[in-house]
Amino acid sequence: MTLYDFLSGAIAFGFFVAGLFFLRFWQRTREALFLTFALAFWLLGLGQSILALANIPTEEQGSVYLIRLGAFLLILAGIIRKNRAQA
């Protein structure tokens, strides 16, 4: 279980770092798509952190995955918004 916890923490850290990466691009360009990606990656990191730290049984993890769904819907909305703005 220790390796699983370590890798889960590394994945969560990677999500948070990716969010900071996109935030830096947003600060340079003020493009809303980069801010959307930053928020989505932070949501993914939050969901992974909850799974790693809460020790929720497998059967009850479904509600935590709604955070991931929210992140993917946020990315989808940002892409659609960006494409509509260019058209």
N, C-alpha and C. Protein backbone atom coordinates (compact mmCIF):
# COMPACT_ATOMS: atom_id res chain seq x y z
N MET A 1 0.81 -1.20 0.00
CA MET A 1 0.00 0.00 0.00
C MET A 1 0.86 1.27 0.00
N THR A 2 2.10 1.17 0.46
CA THR A 2 2.96 2.34 0.54
C THR A 2 3.31 2.86 -0.85
N LEU A 3 3.62 1.98 -1.78
CA LEU A 3 3.94 2.41 -3.14
C LEU A 3 2.74 3.08 -3.79
N TYR A 4 1.56 2.54 -3.55
CA TYR A 4 0.34 3.14 -4.10
C TYR A 4 0.16 4.56 -3.57
N ASP A 5 0.35 4.75 -2.27
CA ASP A 5 0.21 6.08 -1.68
C ASP A 5 1.24 7.05 -2.25
N PHE A 6 2.48 6.58 -2.41
CA PHE A 6 3.53 7.42 -2.96
C PHE A 6 3.20 7.85 -4.39
N LEU A 7 2.81 6.90 -5.22
CA LEU A 7 2.49 7.22 -6.61
C LEU A 7 1.25 8.10 -6.72
N SER A 8 0.30 7.89 -5.85
CA SER A 8 -0.89 8.72 -5.86
C SER A 8 -0.54 10.16 -5.50
N GLY A 9 0.34 10.33 -4.54
CA GLY A 9 0.80 11.68 -4.19
C GLY A 9 1.60 12.32 -5.31
N ALA A 10 2.41 11.53 -6.00
CA ALA A 10 3.19 12.05 -7.12
C ALA A 10 2.27 12.50 -8.26
N ILE A 11 1.22 11.75 -8.50
CA ILE A 11 0.26 12.12 -9.55
C ILE A 11 -0.46 13.41 -9.16
N ALA A 12 -0.87 13.52 -7.91
CA ALA A 12 -1.54 14.74 -7.45
C ALA A 12 -0.60 15.94 -7.58
N PHE A 13 0.66 15.76 -7.19
CA PHE A 13 1.64 16.83 -7.32
C PHE A 13 1.81 17.23 -8.78
N GLY A 14 1.84 16.26 -9.67
CA GLY A 14 1.96 16.54 -11.10
C GLY A 14 0.78 17.36 -11.62
N PHE A 15 -0.41 17.04 -11.16
CA PHE A 15 -1.59 17.82 -11.56
C PHE A 15 -1.47 19.26 -11.09
N PHE A 16 -1.04 19.47 -9.84
CA PHE A 16 -0.91 20.83 -9.31
C PHE A 16 0.18 21.61 -10.06
N VAL A 17 1.28 20.95 -10.40
CA VAL A 17 2.35 21.61 -11.15
C VAL A 17 1.87 21.97 -12.56
N ALA A 18 1.13 21.07 -13.19
CA ALA A 18 0.58 21.37 -14.52
C ALA A 18 -0.36 22.57 -14.45
N GLY A 19 -1.13 22.67 -13.37
CA GLY A 19 -1.99 23.84 -13.18
C GLY A 19 -1.19 25.12 -13.08
N LEU A 20 -0.08 25.08 -12.36
CA LEU A 20 0.79 26.26 -12.27
C LEU A 20 1.41 26.61 -13.62
N PHE A 21 1.74 25.59 -14.39
CA PHE A 21 2.30 25.78 -15.72
C PHE A 21 1.31 26.54 -16.60
N PHE A 22 0.04 26.13 -16.59
CA PHE A 22 -0.97 26.81 -17.40
C PHE A 22 -1.29 28.19 -16.83
N LEU A 23 -1.20 28.36 -15.53
CA LEU A 23 -1.43 29.68 -14.93
C LEU A 23 -0.37 30.67 -15.40
N ARG A 24 0.86 30.21 -15.53
CA ARG A 24 1.93 31.08 -16.01
C ARG A 24 1.64 31.54 -17.44
N PHE A 25 1.17 30.63 -18.30
CA PHE A 25 0.81 31.02 -19.66
C PHE A 25 -0.37 31.97 -19.66
N TRP A 26 -1.31 31.77 -18.75
CA TRP A 26 -2.45 32.68 -18.68
C TRP A 26 -2.00 34.08 -18.28
N GLN A 27 -1.04 34.17 -17.36
CA GLN A 27 -0.55 35.48 -16.94
C GLN A 27 0.15 36.21 -18.08
N ARG A 28 0.81 35.49 -18.96
CA ARG A 28 1.49 36.10 -20.10
C ARG A 28 0.51 36.54 -21.19
N THR A 29 -0.47 35.71 -21.48
CA THR A 29 -1.33 35.95 -22.65
C THR A 29 -2.73 36.44 -22.29
N ARG A 30 -3.18 36.22 -21.07
CA ARG A 30 -4.56 36.53 -20.65
C ARG A 30 -5.58 35.79 -21.49
N GLU A 31 -5.19 34.62 -22.00
CA GLU A 31 -6.09 33.77 -22.78
C GLU A 31 -6.88 32.90 -21.80
N ALA A 32 -8.20 32.96 -21.87
CA ALA A 32 -9.05 32.27 -20.91
C ALA A 32 -8.89 30.76 -20.96
N LEU A 33 -8.50 30.21 -22.11
CA LEU A 33 -8.33 28.77 -22.22
C LEU A 33 -7.25 28.26 -21.27
N PHE A 34 -6.16 29.02 -21.11
CA PHE A 34 -5.10 28.61 -20.21
C PHE A 34 -5.58 28.63 -18.76
N LEU A 35 -6.39 29.61 -18.39
CA LEU A 35 -6.94 29.66 -17.04
C LEU A 35 -7.88 28.48 -16.81
N THR A 36 -8.65 28.13 -17.82
CA THR A 36 -9.55 26.98 -17.73
C THR A 36 -8.77 25.70 -17.50
N PHE A 37 -7.67 25.52 -18.25
CA PHE A 37 -6.84 24.34 -18.07
C PHE A 37 -6.20 24.32 -16.68
N ALA A 38 -5.77 25.47 -16.18
CA ALA A 38 -5.18 25.54 -14.84
C ALA A 38 -6.20 25.10 -13.79
N LEU A 39 -7.39 25.63 -13.87
CA LEU A 39 -8.44 25.26 -12.91
C LEU A 39 -8.79 23.78 -13.01
N ALA A 40 -8.85 23.26 -14.22
CA ALA A 40 -9.18 21.85 -14.42
C ALA A 40 -8.10 20.95 -13.82
N PHE A 41 -6.83 21.28 -14.03
CA PHE A 41 -5.76 20.45 -13.47
C PHE A 41 -5.74 20.54 -11.94
N TRP A 42 -6.08 21.69 -11.40
CA TRP A 42 -6.16 21.78 -9.93
C TRP A 42 -7.30 20.93 -9.39
N LEU A 43 -8.42 20.89 -10.11
CA LEU A 43 -9.52 20.01 -9.71
C LEU A 43 -9.10 18.55 -9.77
N LEU A 44 -8.37 18.17 -10.82
CA LEU A 44 -7.88 16.80 -10.93
C LEU A 44 -6.92 16.49 -9.77
N GLY A 45 -6.07 17.42 -9.42
CA GLY A 45 -5.16 17.23 -8.29
C GLY A 45 -5.91 17.11 -6.97
N LEU A 46 -6.96 17.90 -6.82
CA LEU A 46 -7.77 17.82 -5.60
C LEU A 46 -8.44 16.46 -5.49
N GLY A 47 -9.00 15.99 -6.58
CA GLY A 47 -9.64 14.67 -6.57
C GLY A 47 -8.66 13.56 -6.26
N GLN A 48 -7.47 13.63 -6.84
CA GLN A 48 -6.45 12.62 -6.57
C GLN A 48 -5.98 12.69 -5.12
N SER A 49 -5.88 13.89 -4.59
CA SER A 49 -5.46 14.05 -3.18
C SER A 49 -6.50 13.47 -2.23
N ILE A 50 -7.76 13.70 -2.53
CA ILE A 50 -8.83 13.15 -1.69
C ILE A 50 -8.78 11.63 -1.71
N LEU A 51 -8.59 11.05 -2.88
CA LEU A 51 -8.51 9.60 -2.97
C LEU A 51 -7.31 9.05 -2.20
N ALA A 52 -6.20 9.77 -2.23
CA ALA A 52 -4.99 9.30 -1.56
C ALA A 52 -5.07 9.45 -0.05
N LEU A 53 -5.66 10.52 0.42
CA LEU A 53 -5.62 10.83 1.85
C LEU A 53 -6.82 10.32 2.64
N ALA A 54 -7.96 10.14 1.99
CA ALA A 54 -9.18 9.85 2.73
C ALA A 54 -9.38 8.37 3.03
N ASN A 55 -8.67 7.49 2.33
CA ASN A 55 -8.86 6.05 2.50
C ASN A 55 -10.33 5.65 2.38
N ILE A 56 -10.96 6.13 1.33
CA ILE A 56 -12.36 5.81 1.07
C ILE A 56 -12.42 4.43 0.44
N PRO A 57 -13.34 3.56 0.92
CA PRO A 57 -13.47 2.24 0.29
C PRO A 57 -13.82 2.36 -1.19
N THR A 58 -13.45 1.36 -1.95
CA THR A 58 -13.63 1.38 -3.40
C THR A 58 -15.08 1.60 -3.79
N GLU A 59 -15.99 1.01 -3.05
CA GLU A 59 -17.40 1.12 -3.41
C GLU A 59 -17.93 2.53 -3.27
N GLU A 60 -17.31 3.36 -2.44
CA GLU A 60 -17.82 4.69 -2.14
C GLU A 60 -17.01 5.80 -2.81
N GLN A 61 -16.16 5.47 -3.76
CA GLN A 61 -15.33 6.47 -4.42
C GLN A 61 -16.05 7.19 -5.56
N GLY A 62 -17.24 6.77 -5.88
CA GLY A 62 -17.96 7.36 -7.01
C GLY A 62 -18.18 8.84 -6.89
N SER A 63 -18.48 9.32 -5.71
CA SER A 63 -18.73 10.75 -5.54
C SER A 63 -17.46 11.57 -5.73
N VAL A 64 -16.31 10.99 -5.43
CA VAL A 64 -15.05 11.70 -5.62
C VAL A 64 -14.76 11.85 -7.12
N TYR A 65 -15.19 10.89 -7.91
CA TYR A 65 -14.94 10.96 -9.34
C TYR A 65 -15.78 12.05 -10.02
N LEU A 66 -16.78 12.58 -9.32
CA LEU A 66 -17.53 13.71 -9.86
C LEU A 66 -16.64 14.94 -9.98
N ILE A 67 -15.61 15.04 -9.14
CA ILE A 67 -14.66 16.14 -9.26
C ILE A 67 -13.92 16.03 -10.58
N ARG A 68 -13.52 14.80 -10.96
CA ARG A 68 -12.86 14.60 -12.25
C ARG A 68 -13.80 14.94 -13.40
N LEU A 69 -15.05 14.54 -13.27
CA LEU A 69 -16.03 14.87 -14.30
C LEU A 69 -16.13 16.38 -14.45
N GLY A 70 -16.17 17.10 -13.34
CA GLY A 70 -16.22 18.56 -13.39
C GLY A 70 -15.00 19.15 -14.09
N ALA A 71 -13.83 18.57 -13.84
CA ALA A 71 -12.62 19.05 -14.49
C ALA A 71 -12.68 18.84 -16.00
N PHE A 72 -13.12 17.66 -16.42
CA PHE A 72 -13.20 17.39 -17.86
C PHE A 72 -14.28 18.23 -18.53
N LEU A 73 -15.38 18.47 -17.84
CA LEU A 73 -16.41 19.35 -18.39
C LEU A 73 -15.91 20.78 -18.50
N LEU A 74 -15.09 21.20 -17.55
CA LEU A 74 -14.50 22.54 -17.60
C LEU A 74 -13.57 22.67 -18.81
N ILE A 75 -12.77 21.65 -19.06
CA ILE A 75 -11.89 21.66 -20.24
C ILE A 75 -12.72 21.70 -21.51
N LEU A 76 -13.75 20.89 -21.57
CA LEU A 76 -14.62 20.86 -22.75
C LEU A 76 -15.28 22.22 -22.98
N ALA A 77 -15.78 22.84 -21.93
CA ALA A 77 -16.41 24.15 -22.05
C ALA A 77 -15.40 25.20 -22.51
N GLY A 78 -14.18 25.14 -22.00
CA GLY A 78 -13.16 26.09 -22.42
C GLY A 78 -12.80 25.94 -23.89
N ILE A 79 -12.71 24.71 -24.37
CA ILE A 79 -12.40 24.48 -25.78
C ILE A 79 -13.54 24.96 -26.67
N ILE A 80 -14.76 24.66 -26.28
CA ILE A 80 -15.92 25.12 -27.07
C ILE A 80 -15.97 26.64 -27.09
N ARG A 81 -15.72 27.26 -25.94
CA ARG A 81 -15.74 28.73 -25.88
C ARG A 81 -14.66 29.33 -26.77
N LYS A 82 -13.49 28.73 -26.76
CA LYS A 82 -12.38 29.22 -27.59
C LYS A 82 -12.70 29.09 -29.07
N ASN A 83 -13.29 27.97 -29.47
CA ASN A 83 -13.63 27.76 -30.88
C ASN A 83 -14.76 28.67 -31.34
N ARG A 84 -15.70 28.95 -30.47
CA ARG A 84 -16.80 29.86 -30.85
C ARG A 84 -16.32 31.28 -30.96
N ALA A 85 -15.33 31.66 -30.14
CA ALA A 85 -14.80 33.02 -30.20
C ALA A 85 -14.04 33.25 -31.50
N GLN A 86 -13.40 32.23 -32.03
CA GLN A 86 -12.66 32.38 -33.28
C GLN A 86 -13.57 32.37 -34.50
N ALA A 87 -14.73 31.78 -34.38
CA ALA A 87 -15.64 31.70 -35.53
C ALA A 87 -16.43 32.95 -35.69
